[in-house]
N, C-alpha and C. Protein backbone atom coordinates (compact mmCIF):
# COMPACT_ATOMS: atom_id res chain seq x y z
N MET A 1 5.22 15.59 -27.83
CA MET A 1 4.74 14.24 -27.80
C MET A 1 4.10 13.97 -26.43
N PRO A 2 2.84 13.53 -26.39
CA PRO A 2 2.19 13.29 -25.10
C PRO A 2 2.81 12.11 -24.37
N MET A 3 2.79 12.20 -23.06
CA MET A 3 3.36 11.16 -22.23
C MET A 3 2.32 10.06 -22.02
N ASN A 4 2.72 8.79 -22.29
CA ASN A 4 1.76 7.71 -22.08
C ASN A 4 1.72 7.34 -20.59
N ASN A 5 0.78 6.49 -20.25
CA ASN A 5 0.52 6.15 -18.86
C ASN A 5 1.72 5.48 -18.20
N ASN A 6 2.49 4.65 -18.96
CA ASN A 6 3.67 4.00 -18.39
C ASN A 6 4.67 5.02 -17.89
N TYR A 7 4.91 6.07 -18.68
CA TYR A 7 5.87 7.09 -18.28
C TYR A 7 5.36 7.92 -17.11
N LYS A 8 4.07 8.18 -17.08
CA LYS A 8 3.50 8.92 -15.96
C LYS A 8 3.69 8.15 -14.65
N LEU A 9 3.43 6.85 -14.69
CA LEU A 9 3.61 6.03 -13.50
C LEU A 9 5.08 5.97 -13.08
N LEU A 10 5.96 5.83 -14.05
CA LEU A 10 7.39 5.77 -13.75
C LEU A 10 7.86 7.10 -13.15
N TRP A 11 7.46 8.22 -13.74
CA TRP A 11 7.86 9.52 -13.19
C TRP A 11 7.25 9.73 -11.81
N GLY A 12 6.05 9.26 -11.60
CA GLY A 12 5.44 9.34 -10.27
C GLY A 12 6.26 8.58 -9.25
N ALA A 13 6.70 7.38 -9.62
CA ALA A 13 7.52 6.56 -8.73
C ALA A 13 8.86 7.22 -8.46
N ILE A 14 9.44 7.83 -9.48
CA ILE A 14 10.74 8.51 -9.33
C ILE A 14 10.60 9.73 -8.42
N LEU A 15 9.56 10.51 -8.61
CA LEU A 15 9.39 11.74 -7.83
C LEU A 15 8.94 11.48 -6.39
N LEU A 16 8.37 10.31 -6.14
CA LEU A 16 7.92 10.00 -4.79
C LEU A 16 9.09 9.90 -3.81
N ALA A 17 10.22 9.38 -4.25
CA ALA A 17 11.37 9.19 -3.34
C ALA A 17 11.87 10.51 -2.76
N PRO A 18 12.18 11.52 -3.57
CA PRO A 18 12.62 12.78 -2.94
C PRO A 18 11.50 13.47 -2.16
N LEU A 19 10.26 13.24 -2.55
CA LEU A 19 9.15 13.81 -1.79
C LEU A 19 9.12 13.22 -0.37
N LEU A 20 9.28 11.90 -0.28
CA LEU A 20 9.33 11.26 1.04
C LEU A 20 10.53 11.76 1.84
N ALA A 21 11.68 11.89 1.19
CA ALA A 21 12.87 12.41 1.88
C ALA A 21 12.62 13.82 2.39
N PHE A 22 11.95 14.64 1.59
CA PHE A 22 11.64 16.01 1.98
C PHE A 22 10.70 16.04 3.18
N ILE A 23 9.71 15.16 3.18
CA ILE A 23 8.76 15.09 4.31
C ILE A 23 9.49 14.71 5.60
N PHE A 24 10.39 13.73 5.51
CA PHE A 24 11.16 13.34 6.69
C PHE A 24 12.05 14.49 7.16
N TRP A 25 12.63 15.22 6.21
CA TRP A 25 13.48 16.36 6.53
C TRP A 25 12.67 17.43 7.27
N LEU A 26 11.47 17.70 6.77
CA LEU A 26 10.60 18.67 7.44
C LEU A 26 10.22 18.20 8.84
N ALA A 27 9.90 16.91 8.95
CA ALA A 27 9.48 16.36 10.24
C ALA A 27 10.62 16.40 11.26
N LYS A 28 11.83 16.35 10.78
CA LYS A 28 12.99 16.35 11.68
C LYS A 28 13.39 17.77 12.09
N GLY A 29 12.78 18.79 11.50
CA GLY A 29 13.06 20.16 11.91
C GLY A 29 14.07 20.88 11.04
N PHE A 30 14.16 20.55 9.79
CA PHE A 30 15.01 21.23 8.80
C PHE A 30 16.51 21.15 9.10
N PRO A 31 17.07 19.99 9.42
CA PRO A 31 18.52 19.96 9.66
C PRO A 31 19.27 20.36 8.39
N THR A 32 20.35 21.12 8.56
CA THR A 32 21.10 21.61 7.40
C THR A 32 22.51 21.08 7.33
N THR A 33 22.93 20.32 8.32
CA THR A 33 24.27 19.72 8.26
C THR A 33 24.13 18.20 8.31
N PHE A 34 25.09 17.55 7.70
CA PHE A 34 25.08 16.09 7.69
C PHE A 34 25.61 15.57 9.01
N ALA A 35 24.81 14.74 9.65
CA ALA A 35 25.21 14.12 10.90
C ALA A 35 26.00 12.84 10.63
N TYR A 36 25.93 12.37 9.42
CA TYR A 36 26.58 11.11 9.04
C TYR A 36 27.07 11.26 7.60
N THR A 37 28.28 10.79 7.35
CA THR A 37 28.81 10.79 5.99
C THR A 37 29.19 9.35 5.64
N PRO A 38 28.53 8.77 4.64
CA PRO A 38 28.82 7.38 4.30
C PRO A 38 30.16 7.24 3.60
N GLY A 39 30.79 6.11 3.80
CA GLY A 39 32.04 5.82 3.11
C GLY A 39 31.76 5.24 1.73
N THR A 40 32.81 5.05 0.99
CA THR A 40 32.70 4.52 -0.38
C THR A 40 32.05 3.14 -0.37
N ARG A 41 32.44 2.30 0.57
CA ARG A 41 31.89 0.95 0.64
C ARG A 41 30.37 0.99 0.87
N THR A 42 29.92 1.87 1.74
CA THR A 42 28.49 2.01 2.00
C THR A 42 27.76 2.46 0.74
N LEU A 43 28.33 3.43 0.04
CA LEU A 43 27.70 3.92 -1.19
C LEU A 43 27.60 2.82 -2.24
N ILE A 44 28.68 2.06 -2.42
CA ILE A 44 28.67 0.97 -3.41
C ILE A 44 27.63 -0.07 -3.03
N LEU A 45 27.60 -0.43 -1.76
CA LEU A 45 26.62 -1.42 -1.31
C LEU A 45 25.19 -0.91 -1.47
N ALA A 46 24.90 0.28 -0.96
CA ALA A 46 23.54 0.81 -0.94
C ALA A 46 23.01 1.15 -2.33
N LEU A 47 23.89 1.59 -3.22
CA LEU A 47 23.42 2.07 -4.51
C LEU A 47 23.61 1.09 -5.66
N LEU A 48 24.47 0.10 -5.48
CA LEU A 48 24.71 -0.85 -6.57
C LEU A 48 24.43 -2.30 -6.19
N LEU A 49 25.17 -2.80 -5.24
CA LEU A 49 25.10 -4.24 -4.94
C LEU A 49 23.80 -4.67 -4.29
N VAL A 50 23.35 -3.94 -3.28
CA VAL A 50 22.12 -4.32 -2.58
C VAL A 50 20.91 -4.28 -3.52
N PRO A 51 20.70 -3.19 -4.27
CA PRO A 51 19.55 -3.21 -5.19
C PRO A 51 19.62 -4.35 -6.21
N LEU A 52 20.79 -4.60 -6.74
CA LEU A 52 20.95 -5.67 -7.72
C LEU A 52 20.62 -7.03 -7.10
N CYS A 53 21.25 -7.34 -5.99
CA CYS A 53 21.05 -8.65 -5.35
C CYS A 53 19.63 -8.84 -4.83
N GLU A 54 19.11 -7.82 -4.12
CA GLU A 54 17.77 -7.97 -3.55
C GLU A 54 16.71 -8.08 -4.64
N GLU A 55 16.84 -7.33 -5.71
CA GLU A 55 15.82 -7.41 -6.77
C GLU A 55 15.92 -8.73 -7.53
N ILE A 56 17.10 -9.26 -7.69
CA ILE A 56 17.23 -10.58 -8.32
C ILE A 56 16.51 -11.62 -7.47
N VAL A 57 16.72 -11.56 -6.15
CA VAL A 57 16.09 -12.54 -5.25
C VAL A 57 14.59 -12.31 -5.12
N PHE A 58 14.17 -11.09 -4.79
CA PHE A 58 12.76 -10.85 -4.47
C PHE A 58 11.87 -10.67 -5.69
N ARG A 59 12.40 -10.17 -6.78
CA ARG A 59 11.60 -10.02 -8.00
C ARG A 59 11.88 -11.16 -8.98
N GLY A 60 13.15 -11.28 -9.35
CA GLY A 60 13.52 -12.26 -10.38
C GLY A 60 13.25 -13.70 -9.98
N LEU A 61 13.41 -14.01 -8.71
CA LEU A 61 13.18 -15.39 -8.26
C LEU A 61 11.82 -15.54 -7.57
N LEU A 62 11.64 -14.84 -6.44
CA LEU A 62 10.43 -15.04 -5.63
C LEU A 62 9.16 -14.56 -6.33
N GLN A 63 9.13 -13.30 -6.75
CA GLN A 63 7.91 -12.79 -7.37
C GLN A 63 7.62 -13.51 -8.68
N ASN A 64 8.66 -13.82 -9.42
CA ASN A 64 8.48 -14.55 -10.67
C ASN A 64 7.90 -15.94 -10.42
N GLU A 65 8.40 -16.62 -9.39
CA GLU A 65 7.88 -17.95 -9.04
C GLU A 65 6.43 -17.86 -8.58
N LEU A 66 6.13 -16.88 -7.74
CA LEU A 66 4.75 -16.70 -7.29
C LEU A 66 3.81 -16.39 -8.45
N ALA A 67 4.31 -15.63 -9.42
CA ALA A 67 3.48 -15.27 -10.59
C ALA A 67 3.18 -16.48 -11.46
N SER A 68 4.01 -17.52 -11.33
CA SER A 68 3.76 -18.72 -12.14
C SER A 68 2.48 -19.43 -11.70
N TYR A 69 2.01 -19.13 -10.50
CA TYR A 69 0.71 -19.62 -10.04
C TYR A 69 -0.32 -18.59 -10.49
N GLY A 70 -1.08 -18.91 -11.49
CA GLY A 70 -1.99 -17.97 -12.13
C GLY A 70 -2.83 -17.13 -11.18
N ARG A 71 -3.30 -17.74 -10.10
CA ARG A 71 -4.15 -17.00 -9.16
C ARG A 71 -3.44 -15.81 -8.54
N LEU A 72 -2.12 -15.93 -8.36
CA LEU A 72 -1.38 -14.87 -7.68
C LEU A 72 -1.06 -13.69 -8.59
N ARG A 73 -1.39 -13.79 -9.87
CA ARG A 73 -1.21 -12.65 -10.77
C ARG A 73 -2.43 -11.75 -10.80
N LYS A 74 -3.50 -12.20 -10.15
CA LYS A 74 -4.70 -11.36 -10.06
C LYS A 74 -4.37 -10.13 -9.23
N THR A 75 -5.04 -9.04 -9.53
CA THR A 75 -4.70 -7.78 -8.87
C THR A 75 -5.79 -7.29 -7.92
N ILE A 76 -5.33 -6.52 -6.95
CA ILE A 76 -6.20 -5.80 -6.03
C ILE A 76 -5.69 -4.36 -6.07
N ALA A 77 -6.54 -3.46 -6.49
CA ALA A 77 -6.16 -2.04 -6.60
C ALA A 77 -4.90 -1.85 -7.43
N GLY A 78 -4.75 -2.65 -8.47
CA GLY A 78 -3.60 -2.53 -9.37
C GLY A 78 -2.36 -3.27 -8.92
N LEU A 79 -2.40 -3.90 -7.75
CA LEU A 79 -1.24 -4.64 -7.24
C LEU A 79 -1.54 -6.14 -7.27
N SER A 80 -0.62 -6.89 -7.85
CA SER A 80 -0.82 -8.33 -7.94
C SER A 80 -0.48 -9.00 -6.61
N TRP A 81 -1.08 -10.16 -6.39
CA TRP A 81 -0.80 -10.92 -5.17
C TRP A 81 0.67 -11.31 -5.10
N ASP A 82 1.27 -11.67 -6.24
CA ASP A 82 2.70 -12.03 -6.23
C ASP A 82 3.54 -10.85 -5.76
N ASN A 83 3.17 -9.64 -6.15
CA ASN A 83 3.86 -8.44 -5.70
C ASN A 83 3.63 -8.21 -4.21
N LEU A 84 2.38 -8.29 -3.77
CA LEU A 84 2.05 -8.07 -2.36
C LEU A 84 2.82 -9.03 -1.44
N ILE A 85 2.87 -10.30 -1.83
CA ILE A 85 3.55 -11.30 -1.01
C ILE A 85 5.06 -11.07 -1.00
N SER A 86 5.66 -10.90 -2.18
CA SER A 86 7.12 -10.73 -2.23
C SER A 86 7.54 -9.41 -1.57
N SER A 87 6.76 -8.36 -1.72
CA SER A 87 7.10 -7.07 -1.10
C SER A 87 6.98 -7.14 0.42
N THR A 88 5.98 -7.83 0.91
CA THR A 88 5.82 -7.97 2.35
C THR A 88 6.96 -8.80 2.94
N LEU A 89 7.36 -9.86 2.26
CA LEU A 89 8.52 -10.64 2.72
C LEU A 89 9.79 -9.80 2.69
N PHE A 90 9.94 -8.99 1.66
CA PHE A 90 11.07 -8.07 1.54
C PHE A 90 11.11 -7.13 2.75
N THR A 91 9.97 -6.57 3.11
CA THR A 91 9.88 -5.65 4.25
C THR A 91 10.18 -6.38 5.56
N LEU A 92 9.65 -7.57 5.72
CA LEU A 92 9.89 -8.33 6.95
C LEU A 92 11.37 -8.68 7.12
N VAL A 93 12.05 -9.00 6.03
CA VAL A 93 13.49 -9.27 6.10
C VAL A 93 14.23 -8.01 6.57
N HIS A 94 13.83 -6.86 6.07
CA HIS A 94 14.46 -5.61 6.51
C HIS A 94 14.14 -5.31 7.97
N ALA A 95 12.96 -5.69 8.42
CA ALA A 95 12.58 -5.45 9.82
C ALA A 95 13.47 -6.24 10.77
N LEU A 96 14.06 -7.34 10.31
CA LEU A 96 14.98 -8.11 11.13
C LEU A 96 16.27 -7.36 11.40
N TYR A 97 16.66 -6.49 10.47
CA TYR A 97 17.95 -5.82 10.55
C TYR A 97 17.88 -4.38 11.05
N PHE A 98 16.72 -3.77 10.97
CA PHE A 98 16.57 -2.39 11.41
C PHE A 98 15.66 -2.37 12.63
N GLU A 99 16.10 -1.66 13.66
CA GLU A 99 15.31 -1.64 14.90
C GLU A 99 14.14 -0.69 14.84
N ASN A 100 14.25 0.33 14.05
CA ASN A 100 13.23 1.37 14.00
C ASN A 100 11.98 0.86 13.27
N ALA A 101 10.83 1.14 13.85
CA ALA A 101 9.56 0.71 13.22
C ALA A 101 9.33 1.41 11.89
N LEU A 102 10.02 2.52 11.64
CA LEU A 102 9.88 3.21 10.37
C LEU A 102 10.33 2.35 9.18
N CYS A 103 11.10 1.30 9.47
CA CYS A 103 11.53 0.44 8.37
C CYS A 103 10.34 -0.23 7.70
N LEU A 104 9.19 -0.24 8.38
CA LEU A 104 7.99 -0.80 7.76
C LEU A 104 7.53 0.05 6.58
N LEU A 105 8.00 1.29 6.51
CA LEU A 105 7.70 2.14 5.36
C LEU A 105 8.37 1.63 4.09
N ILE A 106 9.30 0.70 4.25
CA ILE A 106 9.96 0.08 3.10
C ILE A 106 8.93 -0.62 2.21
N GLU A 107 7.80 -0.97 2.78
CA GLU A 107 6.76 -1.67 2.02
C GLU A 107 6.33 -0.87 0.79
N PHE A 108 6.25 0.45 0.91
CA PHE A 108 5.78 1.27 -0.22
C PHE A 108 6.73 1.24 -1.41
N PRO A 109 8.03 1.52 -1.23
CA PRO A 109 8.93 1.39 -2.38
C PRO A 109 9.01 -0.05 -2.90
N ALA A 110 8.88 -1.02 -1.98
CA ALA A 110 8.91 -2.43 -2.41
C ALA A 110 7.72 -2.73 -3.33
N LEU A 111 6.55 -2.22 -2.97
CA LEU A 111 5.37 -2.42 -3.82
C LEU A 111 5.53 -1.72 -5.17
N ILE A 112 6.17 -0.56 -5.16
CA ILE A 112 6.41 0.16 -6.41
C ILE A 112 7.35 -0.64 -7.31
N CYS A 113 8.44 -1.14 -6.74
CA CYS A 113 9.37 -1.95 -7.53
C CYS A 113 8.67 -3.20 -8.07
N GLY A 114 7.87 -3.84 -7.22
CA GLY A 114 7.14 -5.03 -7.65
C GLY A 114 6.11 -4.73 -8.71
N PHE A 115 5.49 -3.57 -8.62
CA PHE A 115 4.51 -3.16 -9.63
C PHE A 115 5.16 -3.06 -11.00
N PHE A 116 6.32 -2.41 -11.06
CA PHE A 116 6.99 -2.27 -12.35
C PHE A 116 7.53 -3.60 -12.86
N TYR A 117 7.92 -4.49 -11.93
CA TYR A 117 8.33 -5.82 -12.38
C TYR A 117 7.12 -6.59 -12.93
N SER A 118 5.99 -6.52 -12.24
CA SER A 118 4.78 -7.20 -12.72
C SER A 118 4.37 -6.69 -14.09
N ARG A 119 4.48 -5.41 -14.27
CA ARG A 119 4.02 -4.79 -15.51
C ARG A 119 4.94 -5.08 -16.70
N HIS A 120 6.26 -5.04 -16.47
CA HIS A 120 7.20 -5.15 -17.59
C HIS A 120 7.98 -6.45 -17.64
N ARG A 121 8.02 -7.20 -16.53
CA ARG A 121 8.77 -8.45 -16.43
C ARG A 121 10.24 -8.27 -16.83
N ARG A 122 10.78 -7.14 -16.43
CA ARG A 122 12.20 -6.84 -16.63
C ARG A 122 12.75 -6.33 -15.31
N LEU A 123 13.92 -6.81 -14.91
CA LEU A 123 14.50 -6.43 -13.62
C LEU A 123 15.09 -5.03 -13.61
N ILE A 124 15.34 -4.45 -14.77
CA ILE A 124 15.99 -3.14 -14.82
C ILE A 124 15.17 -2.07 -14.08
N TYR A 125 13.85 -2.11 -14.22
CA TYR A 125 13.01 -1.10 -13.54
C TYR A 125 13.12 -1.21 -12.02
N PRO A 126 12.89 -2.38 -11.42
CA PRO A 126 13.00 -2.43 -9.96
C PRO A 126 14.43 -2.19 -9.46
N ILE A 127 15.44 -2.60 -10.21
CA ILE A 127 16.81 -2.37 -9.76
C ILE A 127 17.11 -0.88 -9.71
N LEU A 128 16.77 -0.16 -10.78
CA LEU A 128 17.04 1.28 -10.82
C LEU A 128 16.19 2.05 -9.81
N LEU A 129 14.93 1.67 -9.68
CA LEU A 129 14.07 2.32 -8.68
C LEU A 129 14.58 2.05 -7.27
N HIS A 130 15.00 0.82 -7.01
CA HIS A 130 15.53 0.45 -5.70
C HIS A 130 16.76 1.29 -5.38
N ALA A 131 17.66 1.42 -6.35
CA ALA A 131 18.86 2.23 -6.14
C ALA A 131 18.49 3.69 -5.86
N TRP A 132 17.50 4.21 -6.59
CA TRP A 132 17.06 5.58 -6.41
C TRP A 132 16.45 5.79 -5.02
N TYR A 133 15.61 4.85 -4.58
CA TYR A 133 15.01 4.96 -3.25
C TYR A 133 16.08 4.82 -2.17
N ASN A 134 17.06 3.94 -2.38
CA ASN A 134 18.16 3.83 -1.42
C ASN A 134 18.95 5.13 -1.35
N ALA A 135 19.20 5.76 -2.49
CA ALA A 135 19.95 7.02 -2.51
C ALA A 135 19.21 8.09 -1.71
N ASN A 136 17.92 8.19 -1.92
CA ASN A 136 17.12 9.18 -1.18
C ASN A 136 17.04 8.83 0.31
N GLY A 137 16.91 7.55 0.61
CA GLY A 137 16.89 7.12 2.01
C GLY A 137 18.22 7.38 2.70
N LEU A 138 19.32 7.13 2.01
CA LEU A 138 20.64 7.37 2.57
C LEU A 138 20.85 8.87 2.81
N PHE A 139 20.42 9.68 1.86
CA PHE A 139 20.52 11.13 2.02
C PHE A 139 19.72 11.60 3.23
N THR A 140 18.51 11.07 3.40
CA THR A 140 17.68 11.41 4.55
C THR A 140 18.35 10.98 5.84
N PHE A 141 18.92 9.78 5.84
CA PHE A 141 19.60 9.26 7.01
C PHE A 141 20.80 10.14 7.37
N MET A 142 21.51 10.63 6.35
CA MET A 142 22.66 11.51 6.59
C MET A 142 22.23 12.78 7.32
N LEU A 143 21.06 13.29 6.99
CA LEU A 143 20.56 14.52 7.64
C LEU A 143 19.99 14.26 9.02
N MET A 144 19.48 13.06 9.24
CA MET A 144 18.71 12.80 10.45
C MET A 144 19.47 12.04 11.53
N SER A 145 20.62 11.54 11.24
CA SER A 145 21.34 10.74 12.26
C SER A 145 21.82 11.58 13.40
């Protein structure tokens, strides 16, 4: 059965996370031991609670409200204005808590989550993608700390 465009985009989004983690691993010089081991509370927060809460706020509330203004649903290069605005605010909120300028790279997964929310209007896609990107980011952080 041929894969339709929705599945290709979803698989692309899924495969991008470990690719980014791999690039960071290469850039760091191939570390092979974990410099940091997260506790159970960190794992629960990073993989379950944070993706759920943040996507409810930034997609379910903010992006949905912005999309109610018809002009903001117009797209630029496949990304809607409601997605661009909510994803940028999402990134700026993270920039308040993380000192490293690399946190600005959060914009890319945020845009991906927003894209799937714009396309399907279901929170399950951004929540699962957010959890997946957090898992890959946490794994990268474990190697690089």
